[in-house]
Amino acid sequence: MTVPYKKPHLTFEEQIALLKHRGMQVSDEGKATEFLQKIGYYRLSGYWYPFRKSRLVSDNNGKPSVEVLDDFREGAEFHQSVDLYVFDKKLRILLLDALERIEIALRVDVAYNLGKLDPYAYRNSELLHGNFTKKTNPRTGKTEHTEWLERFDQLANRSHEDFIDHYNQTYDLPLPIWIAVELWDFGELSRFISGMRYSDLSQIALRYGIPRPDLLASWVRNMNLVRNICAHHGRIWNRSLADSAKMPKKGEIELLNHLAEDGYARYRLYGSVAIMGFLLRTINPTTTWGDRLMNLYTTFPKAPGINIGQTGFPENWDLQPLWL
């Protein structure tokens, strides 16, 4: 059952007093006030949440669960939550760099492979998967492809990109796929890839050494989720991902063998990071992205209740062949 929200508004000074009352050490109240003003109590609370004490409790049926308390663990300091926030921000920026490269490469792959079949393949239902073009949404009565096209057409009509203005002044609509893909965001790309025929998606998957097209479609959906979290400045370092990526079976992709039997790693952030690292090896064989990731993780802050394992990064992950 829900209850009315009755917590009062607190001044920055009152926020600091509350944190100290709960056991957090605040060595520089002036600096703490600045961070609360710039970042906000609520956003920072996601980063000091792991510093809070907890206890084991049982429900009415005797089932045990963990209850997180308001008070902080011994040794918790305000600056540690800020350090973790800064680490998380740098991690988001690094992930967005990889995701940008992957998104652009996949746009080219889709346009190149389908453009050979039909310059307007994205509008041709005969060249797409039947689940995408024939199954209707009970709520709207439209297929997913129809809804996808309607959203794309809205984006195209609202676009003020120079290349779209030039096209509209010179040629008749619709846009060919190699131009249309430049208007797709990662969500549009993800939904379209999931709607491709397996035979066409297999060609793209094999370019990256991925043995099954369903793996690639799952990876793109997962990366779209990570991209949305990062783009909206959400906490990512120990985030539970609602749409985890499918992983290959042991032996299907040698560089990802270490994930085949590590359920925690594959379902946390590390699973997403590993597939990004794997894709980047094909997109840019000389990439230093993995090195930058390893360097960033050497700066992971030391504080009670946190460790890099909470992101799913296995012990000695940086010694895996994927990162060498």
C-alpha atoms as a PDB file:
ATOM      1  CA  MET A   1       0.000   0.000   0.000  1.00  0.00           C
ATOM      2  CA  THR A   2       1.182   3.513  -0.758  1.00  0.00           C
ATOM      3  CA  VAL A   3       1.058   6.418   1.652  1.00  0.00           C
ATOM      4  CA  PRO A   4       1.067  10.194   1.146  1.00  0.00           C
ATOM      5  CA  TYR A   5       4.519  11.755   0.735  1.00  0.00           C
ATOM      6  CA  LYS A   6       5.136  13.899   3.802  1.00  0.00           C
ATOM      7  CA  LYS A   7       8.875  14.562   3.802  1.00  0.00           C
ATOM      8  CA  PRO A   8       9.460  18.321   4.163  1.00  0.00           C
ATOM      9  CA  HIS A   9      11.580  20.602   2.016  1.00  0.00           C
ATOM     10  CA  LEU A  10      15.051  21.004   3.557  1.00  0.00           C
ATOM     11  CA  THR A  11      17.561  23.786   3.094  1.00  0.00           C
ATOM     12  CA  PHE A  12      21.066  22.759   2.048  1.00  0.00           C
ATOM     13  CA  GLU A  13      22.228  23.299   5.622  1.00  0.00           C
ATOM     14  CA  GLU A  14      19.420  21.074   6.900  1.00  0.00           C
ATOM     15  CA  GLN A  15      20.305  18.409   4.342  1.00  0.00           C
ATOM     16  CA  ILE A  16      23.883  18.317   5.639  1.00  0.00           C
ATOM     17  CA  ALA A  17      22.667  18.207   9.246  1.00  0.00           C
ATOM     18  CA  LEU A  18      20.433  15.241   8.393  1.00  0.00           C
ATOM     19  CA  LEU A  19      23.294  13.351   6.756  1.00  0.00           C
ATOM     20  CA  LYS A  20      25.537  13.956   9.763  1.00  0.00           C
ATOM     21  CA  HIS A  21      22.761  12.868  12.127  1.00  0.00           C
ATOM     22  CA  ARG A  22      22.587   9.577  10.222  1.00  0.00           C
ATOM     23  CA  GLY A  23      26.317   9.002  10.629  1.00  0.00           C
ATOM     24  CA  MET A  24      27.869  10.407   7.451  1.00  0.00           C
ATOM     25  CA  GLN A  25      31.108  12.310   7.938  1.00  0.00           C
ATOM     26  CA  VAL A  26      31.148  15.753   6.321  1.00  0.00           C
ATOM     27  CA  SER A  27      34.645  17.179   6.673  1.00  0.00           C
ATOM     28  CA  ASP A  28      34.064  20.301   4.546  1.00  0.00           C
ATOM     29  CA  GLU A  29      30.518  21.619   4.865  1.00  0.00           C
ATOM     30  CA  GLY A  30      31.181  24.456   2.438  1.00  0.00           C
ATOM     31  CA  LYS A  31      32.217  22.049  -0.322  1.00  0.00           C
ATOM     32  CA  ALA A  32      29.339  19.731   0.537  1.00  0.00           C
ATOM     33  CA  THR A  33      26.895  22.627   0.165  1.00  0.00           C
ATOM     34  CA  GLU A  34      28.359  23.445  -3.266  1.00  0.00           C
ATOM     35  CA  PHE A  35      27.863  19.867  -4.464  1.00  0.00           C
ATOM     36  CA  LEU A  36      24.316  19.740  -3.135  1.00  0.00           C
ATOM     37  CA  GLN A  37      23.596  22.990  -4.979  1.00  0.00           C
ATOM     38  CA  LYS A  38      25.117  21.746  -8.244  1.00  0.00           C
ATOM     39  CA  ILE A  39      24.062  18.095  -8.252  1.00  0.00           C
ATOM     40  CA  GLY A  40      21.141  17.859  -5.847  1.00  0.00           C
ATOM     41  CA  TYR A  41      20.422  15.754  -2.774  1.00  0.00           C
ATOM     42  CA  TYR A  42      18.179  13.295  -4.576  1.00  0.00           C
ATOM     43  CA  ARG A  43      20.647  12.537  -7.398  1.00  0.00           C
ATOM     44  CA  LEU A  44      23.544  12.154  -4.979  1.00  0.00           C
ATOM     45  CA  SER A  45      21.473   9.883  -2.744  1.00  0.00           C
ATOM     46  CA  GLY A  46      21.772   7.177  -5.402  1.00  0.00           C
ATOM     47  CA  TYR A  47      25.527   7.248  -4.892  1.00  0.00           C
ATOM     48  CA  TRP A  48      25.519   7.150  -1.072  1.00  0.00           C
ATOM     49  CA  TYR A  49      22.800   4.483  -0.989  1.00  0.00           C
ATOM     50  CA  PRO A  50      25.405   1.647  -0.881  1.00  0.00           C
ATOM     51  CA  PHE A  51      26.992   3.329   2.176  1.00  0.00           C
ATOM     52  CA  ARG A  52      23.841   2.798   4.248  1.00  0.00           C
ATOM     53  CA  LYS A  53      23.599   0.084   6.873  1.00  0.00           C
ATOM     54  CA  SER A  54      21.375  -2.920   6.300  1.00  0.00           C
ATOM     55  CA  ARG A  55      19.964  -5.810   8.270  1.00  0.00           C
ATOM     56  CA  LEU A  56      18.377  -9.164   7.586  1.00  0.00           C
ATOM     57  CA  VAL A  57      14.634  -9.343   8.281  1.00  0.00           C
ATOM     58  CA  SER A  58      11.868 -11.884   7.667  1.00  0.00           C
ATOM     59  CA  ASP A  59       8.353 -11.381   6.343  1.00  0.00           C
ATOM     60  CA  ASN A  60       5.216 -12.974   7.819  1.00  0.00           C
ATOM     61  CA  ASN A  61       6.029 -16.230   6.030  1.00  0.00           C
ATOM     62  CA  GLY A  62       9.560 -16.311   7.386  1.00  0.00           C
ATOM     63  CA  LYS A  63      11.128 -15.436   4.032  1.00  0.00           C
ATOM     64  CA  PRO A  64      14.357 -13.492   4.635  1.00  0.00           C
ATOM     65  CA  SER A  65      15.108 -10.174   2.938  1.00  0.00           C
ATOM     66  CA  VAL A  66      17.528  -7.299   3.362  1.00  0.00           C
ATOM     67  CA  GLU A  67      16.248  -4.041   4.816  1.00  0.00           C
ATOM     68  CA  VAL A  68      18.312  -0.941   4.035  1.00  0.00           C
ATOM     69  CA  LEU A  69      18.457   1.482   6.966  1.00  0.00           C
ATOM     70  CA  ASP A  70      18.718   5.262   6.985  1.00  0.00           C
ATOM     71  CA  ASP A  71      21.945   5.294   9.012  1.00  0.00           C
ATOM     72  CA  PHE A  72      25.324   5.045   7.284  1.00  0.00           C
ATOM     73  CA  ARG A  73      28.066   2.467   7.654  1.00  0.00           C
ATOM     74  CA  GLU A  74      31.119   3.278   9.732  1.00  0.00           C
ATOM     75  CA  GLY A  75      33.595   5.348   7.699  1.00  0.00           C
ATOM     76  CA  ALA A  76      31.097   6.732   5.191  1.00  0.00           C
ATOM     77  CA  GLU A  77      32.137  10.204   4.036  1.00  0.00           C
ATOM     78  CA  PHE A  78      30.299  12.719   1.883  1.00  0.00           C
ATOM     79  CA  HIS A  79      33.198  13.142  -0.536  1.00  0.00           C
ATOM     80  CA  GLN A  80      33.079   9.406  -1.303  1.00  0.00           C
ATOM     81  CA  SER A  81      29.602   9.758  -2.798  1.00  0.00           C
ATOM     82  CA  VAL A  82      30.845  12.682  -4.895  1.00  0.00           C
ATOM     83  CA  ASP A  83      33.872  10.628  -6.005  1.00  0.00           C
ATOM     84  CA  LEU A  84      31.543   7.815  -7.040  1.00  0.00           C
ATOM     85  CA  TYR A  85      29.313  10.293  -8.893  1.00  0.00           C
ATOM     86  CA  VAL A  86      32.340  11.640 -10.813  1.00  0.00           C
ATOM     87  CA  PHE A  87      33.487   8.097 -11.635  1.00  0.00           C
ATOM     88  CA  ASP A  88      29.992   7.266 -12.898  1.00  0.00           C
ATOM     89  CA  LYS A  89      29.921  10.406 -15.041  1.00  0.00           C
ATOM     90  CA  LYS A  90      33.247   9.502 -16.668  1.00  0.00           C
ATOM     91  CA  LEU A  91      31.989   5.966 -17.241  1.00  0.00           C
ATOM     92  CA  ARG A  92      28.848   7.267 -18.974  1.00  0.00           C
ATOM     93  CA  ILE A  93      30.944   9.484 -21.263  1.00  0.00           C
ATOM     94  CA  LEU A  94      33.196   6.541 -22.149  1.00  0.00           C
ATOM     95  CA  LEU A  95      30.202   4.303 -22.879  1.00  0.00           C
ATOM     96  CA  LEU A  96      28.593   6.967 -25.064  1.00  0.00           C
ATOM     97  CA  ASP A  97      31.816   7.196 -27.080  1.00  0.00           C
ATOM     98  CA  ALA A  98      31.661   3.463 -27.829  1.00  0.00           C
ATOM     99  CA  LEU A  99      27.934   3.548 -28.497  1.00  0.00           C
ATOM    100  CA  GLU A 100      28.287   6.376 -31.004  1.00  0.00           C
ATOM    101  CA  ARG A 101      30.836   4.405 -33.022  1.00  0.00           C
ATOM    102  CA  ILE A 102      28.703   1.253 -32.903  1.00  0.00           C
ATOM    103  CA  GLU A 103      25.487   3.077 -33.835  1.00  0.00           C
ATOM    104  CA  ILE A 104      27.043   4.746 -36.879  1.00  0.00           C
ATOM    105  CA  ALA A 105      28.649   1.494 -38.058  1.00  0.00           C
ATOM    106  CA  LEU A 106      25.352  -0.392 -37.743  1.00  0.00           C
ATOM    107  CA  ARG A 107      23.513   2.305 -39.711  1.00  0.00           C
ATOM    108  CA  VAL A 108      25.989   1.794 -42.553  1.00  0.00           C
ATOM    109  CA  ASP A 109      25.619  -1.998 -42.327  1.00  0.00           C
ATOM    110  CA  VAL A 110      21.815  -1.834 -42.522  1.00  0.00           C
ATOM    111  CA  ALA A 111      21.776   0.700 -45.367  1.00  0.00           C
ATOM    112  CA  TYR A 112      24.441  -1.133 -47.378  1.00  0.00           C
ATOM    113  CA  ASN A 113      22.918  -4.604 -47.084  1.00  0.00           C
ATOM    114  CA  LEU A 114      19.282  -3.634 -47.605  1.00  0.00           C
ATOM    115  CA  GLY A 115      20.036  -0.897 -50.141  1.00  0.00           C
ATOM    116  CA  LYS A 116      21.306  -3.573 -52.528  1.00  0.00           C
ATOM    117  CA  LEU A 117      17.857  -5.176 -52.439  1.00  0.00           C
ATOM    118  CA  ASP A 118      15.769  -2.026 -52.661  1.00  0.00           C
ATOM    119  CA  PRO A 119      16.709   1.639 -52.114  1.00  0.00           C
ATOM    120  CA  TYR A 120      13.478   1.941 -50.102  1.00  0.00           C
ATOM    121  CA  ALA A 121      13.766  -1.409 -48.320  1.00  0.00           C
ATOM    122  CA  TYR A 122      12.822   0.075 -44.949  1.00  0.00           C
ATOM    123  CA  ARG A 123       9.346   0.773 -46.390  1.00  0.00           C
ATOM    124  CA  ASN A 124       9.035  -2.571 -48.210  1.00  0.00           C
ATOM    125  CA  SER A 125       7.234  -5.041 -45.949  1.00  0.00           C
ATOM    126  CA  GLU A 126       8.195  -7.958 -48.218  1.00  0.00           C
ATOM    127  CA  LEU A 127      11.853  -7.430 -47.290  1.00  0.00           C
ATOM    128  CA  LEU A 128      11.242  -7.437 -43.525  1.00  0.00           C
ATOM    129  CA  HIS A 129      10.345 -10.035 -40.906  1.00  0.00           C
ATOM    130  CA  GLY A 130       6.700 -11.070 -40.750  1.00  0.00           C
ATOM    131  CA  ASN A 131       6.452 -10.420 -37.012  1.00  0.00           C
ATOM    132  CA  PHE A 132       7.394  -6.817 -37.740  1.00  0.00           C
ATOM    133  CA  THR A 133       5.094  -6.289 -40.704  1.00  0.00           C
ATOM    134  CA  LYS A 134       2.057  -8.504 -40.080  1.00  0.00           C
ATOM    135  CA  LYS A 135       1.388  -8.824 -36.344  1.00  0.00           C
ATOM    136  CA  THR A 136      -0.873  -6.033 -35.154  1.00  0.00           C
ATOM    137  CA  ASN A 137      -0.866  -4.185 -31.871  1.00  0.00           C
ATOM    138  CA  PRO A 138      -4.211  -5.020 -30.171  1.00  0.00           C
ATOM    139  CA  ARG A 139      -4.351  -1.519 -28.761  1.00  0.00           C
ATOM    140  CA  THR A 140      -3.805   0.391 -32.023  1.00  0.00           C
ATOM    141  CA  GLY A 141      -4.651  -2.188 -34.681  1.00  0.00           C
ATOM    142  CA  LYS A 142      -1.412  -1.298 -36.466  1.00  0.00           C
ATOM    143  CA  THR A 143       1.658  -3.392 -37.149  1.00  0.00           C
ATOM    144  CA  GLU A 144       4.948  -2.502 -35.477  1.00  0.00           C
ATOM    145  CA  HIS A 145       6.340  -1.629 -38.908  1.00  0.00           C
ATOM    146  CA  THR A 146       3.478   0.805 -39.551  1.00  0.00           C
ATOM    147  CA  GLU A 147       4.017   2.468 -36.172  1.00  0.00           C
ATOM    148  CA  TRP A 148       7.767   2.583 -36.797  1.00  0.00           C
ATOM    149  CA  LEU A 149       7.245   4.224 -40.205  1.00  0.00           C
ATOM    150  CA  GLU A 150       4.827   6.788 -38.767  1.00  0.00           C
ATOM    151  CA  ARG A 151       7.391   7.810 -36.168  1.00  0.00           C
ATOM    152  CA  PHE A 152      10.143   7.974 -38.784  1.00  0.00           C
ATOM    153  CA  ASP A 153       7.998  10.106 -41.120  1.00  0.00           C
ATOM    154  CA  GLN A 154       7.318  12.503 -38.247  1.00  0.00           C
ATOM    155  CA  LEU A 155      11.067  12.778 -37.612  1.00  0.00           C
ATOM    156  CA  ALA A 156      11.740  13.364 -41.307  1.00  0.00           C
ATOM    157  CA  ASN A 157       9.023  16.023 -41.588  1.00  0.00           C
ATOM    158  CA  ARG A 158      10.340  17.890 -38.543  1.00  0.00           C
ATOM    159  CA  SER A 159      13.979  17.645 -39.556  1.00  0.00           C
ATOM    160  CA  HIS A 160      15.862  20.803 -40.494  1.00  0.00           C
ATOM    161  CA  GLU A 161      19.096  19.016 -41.352  1.00  0.00           C
ATOM    162  CA  ASP A 162      20.794  20.600 -44.366  1.00  0.00           C
ATOM    163  CA  PHE A 163      20.980  17.285 -46.230  1.00  0.00           C
ATOM    164  CA  ILE A 164      17.215  16.756 -45.808  1.00  0.00           C
ATOM    165  CA  ASP A 165      16.415  20.284 -47.009  1.00  0.00           C
ATOM    166  CA  HIS A 166      18.660  19.738 -50.037  1.00  0.00           C
ATOM    167  CA  TYR A 167      17.009  16.402 -50.838  1.00  0.00           C
ATOM    168  CA  ASN A 168      13.487  17.816 -50.528  1.00  0.00           C
ATOM    169  CA  GLN A 169      14.372  20.710 -52.868  1.00  0.00           C
ATOM    170  CA  THR A 170      15.825  18.381 -55.487  1.00  0.00           C
ATOM    171  CA  TYR A 171      14.177  14.971 -55.358  1.00  0.00           C
ATOM    172  CA  ASP A 172      10.846  13.310 -54.734  1.00  0.00           C
ATOM    173  CA  LEU A 173      10.139  11.443 -51.521  1.00  0.00           C
ATOM    174  CA  PRO A 174      10.624   8.897 -50.035  1.00  0.00           C
ATOM    175  CA  LEU A 175      14.207   9.042 -48.856  1.00  0.00           C
ATOM    176  CA  PRO A 176      16.457   6.154 -49.900  1.00  0.00           C
ATOM    177  CA  ILE A 177      17.612   4.024 -46.998  1.00  0.00           C
ATOM    178  CA  TRP A 178      21.217   5.311 -47.044  1.00  0.00           C
ATOM    179  CA  ILE A 179      19.866   8.807 -46.332  1.00  0.00           C
ATOM    180  CA  ALA A 180      16.987   7.729 -44.102  1.00  0.00           C
ATOM    181  CA  VAL A 181      19.296   5.945 -41.633  1.00  0.00           C
ATOM    182  CA  GLU A 182      20.953   9.264 -40.799  1.00  0.00           C
ATOM    183  CA  LEU A 183      17.688  10.339 -39.152  1.00  0.00           C
ATOM    184  CA  TRP A 184      17.289   7.190 -37.043  1.00  0.00           C
ATOM    185  CA  ASP A 185      18.121   7.475 -33.379  1.00  0.00           C
ATOM    186  CA  PHE A 186      19.397   4.406 -31.548  1.00  0.00           C
ATOM    187  CA  GLY A 187      15.851   3.427 -30.591  1.00  0.00           C
ATOM    188  CA  GLU A 188      14.664   3.559 -34.201  1.00  0.00           C
ATOM    189  CA  LEU A 189      17.713   1.577 -35.286  1.00  0.00           C
ATOM    190  CA  SER A 190      17.159  -1.033 -32.578  1.00  0.00           C
ATOM    191  CA  ARG A 191      13.513  -1.573 -33.457  1.00  0.00           C
ATOM    192  CA  PHE A 192      14.286  -1.811 -37.171  1.00  0.00           C
ATOM    193  CA  ILE A 193      17.112  -4.322 -36.683  1.00  0.00           C
ATOM    194  CA  SER A 194      14.749  -6.491 -34.623  1.00  0.00           C
ATOM    195  CA  GLY A 195      12.327  -6.304 -37.568  1.00  0.00           C
ATOM    196  CA  MET A 196      14.790  -7.442 -40.241  1.00  0.00           C
ATOM    197  CA  ARG A 197      14.689 -10.857 -41.904  1.00  0.00           C
ATOM    198  CA  TYR A 198      17.104 -13.320 -40.349  1.00  0.00           C
ATOM    199  CA  SER A 199      18.853 -13.881 -43.671  1.00  0.00           C
ATOM    200  CA  ASP A 200      19.697 -10.160 -43.987  1.00  0.00           C
ATOM    201  CA  LEU A 201      20.531  -9.696 -40.313  1.00  0.00           C
ATOM    202  CA  SER A 202      22.799 -12.755 -40.472  1.00  0.00           C
ATOM    203  CA  GLN A 203      24.992 -11.008 -43.049  1.00  0.00           C
ATOM    204  CA  ILE A 204      25.552  -8.122 -40.645  1.00  0.00           C
ATOM    205  CA  ALA A 205      26.068 -10.408 -37.661  1.00  0.00           C
ATOM    206  CA  LEU A 206      28.685 -12.487 -39.479  1.00  0.00           C
ATOM    207  CA  ARG A 207      30.658  -9.337 -40.308  1.00  0.00           C
ATOM    208  CA  TYR A 208      31.260  -9.010 -36.561  1.00  0.00           C
ATOM    209  CA  GLY A 209      31.858 -12.706 -35.975  1.00  0.00           C
ATOM    210  CA  ILE A 210      28.445 -13.186 -34.352  1.00  0.00           C
ATOM    211  CA  PRO A 211      27.114 -16.666 -35.220  1.00  0.00           C
ATOM    212  CA  ARG A 212      23.389 -15.975 -34.718  1.00  0.00           C
ATOM    213  CA  PRO A 213      21.318 -12.945 -35.790  1.00  0.00           C
ATOM    214  CA  ASP A 214      19.168 -13.116 -32.635  1.00  0.00           C
ATOM    215  CA  LEU A 215      22.296 -12.343 -30.603  1.00  0.00           C
ATOM    216  CA  LEU A 216      22.947  -9.154 -32.557  1.00  0.00           C
ATOM    217  CA  ALA A 217      19.313  -8.015 -32.257  1.00  0.00           C
ATOM    218  CA  SER A 218      19.431  -8.595 -28.500  1.00  0.00           C
ATOM    219  CA  TRP A 219      22.751  -6.767 -28.183  1.00  0.00           C
ATOM    220  CA  VAL A 220      21.406  -3.725 -30.009  1.00  0.00           C
ATOM    221  CA  ARG A 221      18.317  -3.595 -27.765  1.00  0.00           C
ATOM    222  CA  ASN A 222      20.536  -3.801 -24.706  1.00  0.00           C
ATOM    223  CA  MET A 223      22.890  -1.105 -25.979  1.00  0.00           C
ATOM    224  CA  ASN A 224      19.919   1.145 -26.692  1.00  0.00           C
ATOM    225  CA  LEU A 225      18.891   0.805 -23.032  1.00  0.00           C
ATOM    226  CA  VAL A 226      22.417   1.648 -21.860  1.00  0.00           C
ATOM    227  CA  ARG A 227      22.554   4.567 -24.269  1.00  0.00           C
ATOM    228  CA  ASN A 228      19.262   5.978 -22.940  1.00  0.00           C
ATOM    229  CA  ILE A 229      20.465   5.748 -19.331  1.00  0.00           C
ATOM    230  CA  CYS A 230      23.740   7.470 -20.196  1.00  0.00           C
ATOM    231  CA  ALA A 231      22.133  10.145 -22.393  1.00  0.00           C
ATOM    232  CA  HIS A 232      19.744  11.076 -19.587  1.00  0.00           C
ATOM    233  CA  HIS A 233      22.569  11.226 -17.010  1.00  0.00           C
ATOM    234  CA  GLY A 234      21.295   8.232 -15.075  1.00  0.00           C
ATOM    235  CA  ARG A 235      23.414   6.233 -12.641  1.00  0.00           C
ATOM    236  CA  ILE A 236      25.051   3.375 -14.556  1.00  0.00           C
ATOM    237  CA  TRP A 237      27.906   1.851 -12.512  1.00  0.00           C
ATOM    238  CA  ASN A 238      25.841  -0.749 -10.628  1.00  0.00           C
ATOM    239  CA  ARG A 239      22.562  -0.462 -12.518  1.00  0.00           C
ATOM    240  CA  SER A 240      20.293  -3.465 -12.977  1.00  0.00           C
ATOM    241  CA  LEU A 241      19.473  -3.611 -16.699  1.00  0.00           C
ATOM    242  CA  ALA A 242      15.884  -4.599 -17.440  1.00  0.00           C
ATOM    243  CA  ASP A 243      16.777  -5.802 -20.956  1.00  0.00           C
ATOM    244  CA  SER A 244      19.964  -7.824 -20.524  1.00  0.00           C
ATOM    245  CA  ALA A 245      21.806  -8.960 -23.629  1.00  0.00           C
ATOM    246  CA  LYS A 246      21.752 -12.569 -24.752  1.00  0.00           C
ATOM    247  CA  MET A 247      25.181 -14.136 -24.544  1.00  0.00           C
ATOM    248  CA  PRO A 248      26.690 -16.728 -26.884  1.00  0.00           C
ATOM    249  CA  LYS A 249      27.084 -20.293 -25.736  1.00  0.00           C
ATOM    250  CA  LYS A 250      30.543 -21.420 -24.761  1.00  0.00           C
ATOM    251  CA  GLY A 251      32.616 -21.893 -27.897  1.00  0.00           C
ATOM    252  CA  GLU A 252      30.461 -19.718 -30.160  1.00  0.00           C
ATOM    253  CA  ILE A 253      32.558 -16.574 -29.602  1.00  0.00           C
ATOM    254  CA  GLU A 254      35.900 -17.335 -27.973  1.00  0.00           C
ATOM    255  CA  LEU A 255      36.469 -13.800 -26.698  1.00  0.00           C
ATOM    256  CA  LEU A 256      33.191 -13.948 -24.753  1.00  0.00           C
ATOM    257  CA  ASN A 257      33.658 -17.446 -23.331  1.00  0.00           C
ATOM    258  CA  HIS A 258      34.258 -16.019 -19.867  1.00  0.00           C
ATOM    259  CA  LEU A 259      30.645 -14.801 -19.824  1.00  0.00           C
ATOM    260  CA  ALA A 260      29.117 -18.147 -20.754  1.00  0.00           C
ATOM    261  CA  GLU A 261      29.150 -19.434 -17.182  1.00  0.00           C
ATOM    262  CA  ASP A 262      29.211 -16.170 -15.215  1.00  0.00           C
ATOM    263  CA  GLY A 263      25.549 -15.332 -14.743  1.00  0.00           C
ATOM    264  CA  TYR A 264      26.153 -12.252 -12.604  1.00  0.00           C
ATOM    265  CA  ALA A 265      28.635 -10.690 -15.027  1.00  0.00           C
ATOM    266  CA  ARG A 266      26.486 -11.269 -18.082  1.00  0.00           C
ATOM    267  CA  TYR A 267      23.356  -9.742 -16.560  1.00  0.00           C
ATOM    268  CA  ARG A 268      25.000  -6.669 -15.051  1.00  0.00           C
ATOM    269  CA  LEU A 269      26.751  -3.784 -16.774  1.00  0.00           C
ATOM    270  CA  TYR A 270      29.833  -5.846 -17.587  1.00  0.00           C
ATOM    271  CA  GLY A 271      27.847  -7.934 -20.086  1.00  0.00           C
ATOM    272  CA  SER A 272      26.972  -4.756 -22.010  1.00  0.00           C
ATOM    273  CA  VAL A 273      30.519  -3.432 -21.777  1.00  0.00           C
ATOM    274  CA  ALA A 274      31.928  -6.721 -23.054  1.00  0.00           C
ATOM    275  CA  ILE A 275      29.753  -6.766 -26.179  1.00  0.00           C
ATOM    276  CA  MET A 276      30.687  -3.130 -26.884  1.00  0.00           C
ATOM    277  CA  GLY A 277      34.359  -4.006 -26.589  1.00  0.00           C
ATOM    278  CA  PHE A 278      33.851  -6.995 -28.870  1.00  0.00           C
ATOM    279  CA  LEU A 279      32.061  -4.974 -31.576  1.00  0.00           C
ATOM    280  CA  LEU A 280      34.659  -2.213 -31.456  1.00  0.00           C
ATOM    281  CA  ARG A 281      37.410  -4.720 -32.289  1.00  0.00           C
ATOM    282  CA  THR A 282      35.794  -5.086 -35.746  1.00  0.00           C
ATOM    283  CA  ILE A 283      34.744  -1.464 -36.220  1.00  0.00           C
ATOM    284  CA  ASN A 284      38.174  -0.125 -35.289  1.00  0.00           C
ATOM    285  CA  PRO A 285      40.846  -2.818 -34.772  1.00  0.00           C
ATOM    286  CA  THR A 286      43.295  -0.248 -33.390  1.00  0.00           C
ATOM    287  CA  THR A 287      40.841   1.171 -30.850  1.00  0.00           C
ATOM    288  CA  THR A 288      42.188   2.204 -27.453  1.00  0.00           C
ATOM    289  CA  TRP A 289      38.721   2.156 -25.891  1.00  0.00           C
ATOM    290  CA  GLY A 290      39.482  -0.925 -23.815  1.00  0.00           C
ATOM    291  CA  ASP A 291      42.664   0.685 -22.469  1.00  0.00           C
ATOM    292  CA  ARG A 292      40.703   3.788 -21.487  1.00  0.00           C
ATOM    293  CA  LEU A 293      38.141   1.599 -19.738  1.00  0.00           C
ATOM    294  CA  MET A 294      40.858  -0.166 -17.746  1.00  0.00           C
ATOM    295  CA  ASN A 295      42.470   3.150 -16.831  1.00  0.00           C
ATOM    296  CA  LEU A 296      39.139   4.506 -15.634  1.00  0.00           C
ATOM    297  CA  TYR A 297      38.551   1.510 -13.396  1.00  0.00           C
ATOM    298  CA  THR A 298      41.859   2.096 -11.622  1.00  0.00           C
ATOM    299  CA  THR A 299      40.230   5.304 -10.308  1.00  0.00           C
ATOM    300  CA  PHE A 300      37.247   3.503  -8.755  1.00  0.00           C
ATOM    301  CA  PRO A 301      36.793   5.127  -5.334  1.00  0.00           C
ATOM    302  CA  LYS A 302      37.370   3.240  -2.104  1.00  0.00           C
ATOM    303  CA  ALA A 303      34.408   3.458   0.247  1.00  0.00           C
ATOM    304  CA  PRO A 304      32.432   1.164   2.556  1.00  0.00           C
ATOM    305  CA  GLY A 305      29.879  -0.986   0.769  1.00  0.00           C
ATOM    306  CA  ILE A 306      31.093  -0.545  -2.824  1.00  0.00           C
ATOM    307  CA  ASN A 307      33.378  -2.437  -5.206  1.00  0.00           C
ATOM    308  CA  ILE A 308      33.667  -2.868  -8.970  1.00  0.00           C
ATOM    309  CA  GLY A 309      32.228  -6.352  -8.655  1.00  0.00           C
ATOM    310  CA  GLN A 310      28.822  -4.734  -8.179  1.00  0.00           C
ATOM    311  CA  THR A 311      28.911  -3.769 -11.863  1.00  0.00           C
ATOM    312  CA  GLY A 312      29.413  -7.421 -12.769  1.00  0.00           C
ATOM    313  CA  PHE A 313      33.096  -6.967 -13.598  1.00  0.00           C
ATOM    314  CA  PRO A 314      34.655 -10.345 -12.719  1.00  0.00           C
ATOM    315  CA  GLU A 315      37.929 -10.660 -10.875  1.00  0.00           C
ATOM    316  CA  ASN A 316      40.894 -10.071 -13.216  1.00  0.00           C
ATOM    317  CA  TRP A 317      38.508  -9.077 -16.002  1.00  0.00           C
ATOM    318  CA  ASP A 318      41.230  -6.927 -17.563  1.00  0.00           C
ATOM    319  CA  LEU A 319      43.347 -10.051 -18.169  1.00  0.00           C
ATOM    320  CA  GLN A 320      40.722 -11.652 -20.377  1.00  0.00           C
ATOM    321  CA  PRO A 321      41.718 -11.976 -24.087  1.00  0.00           C
ATOM    322  CA  LEU A 322      38.879  -9.608 -24.995  1.00  0.00           C
ATOM    323  CA  TRP A 323      40.805  -6.704 -23.473  1.00  0.00           C
ATOM    324  CA  LEU A 324      44.336  -7.639 -24.499  1.00  0.00           C
END
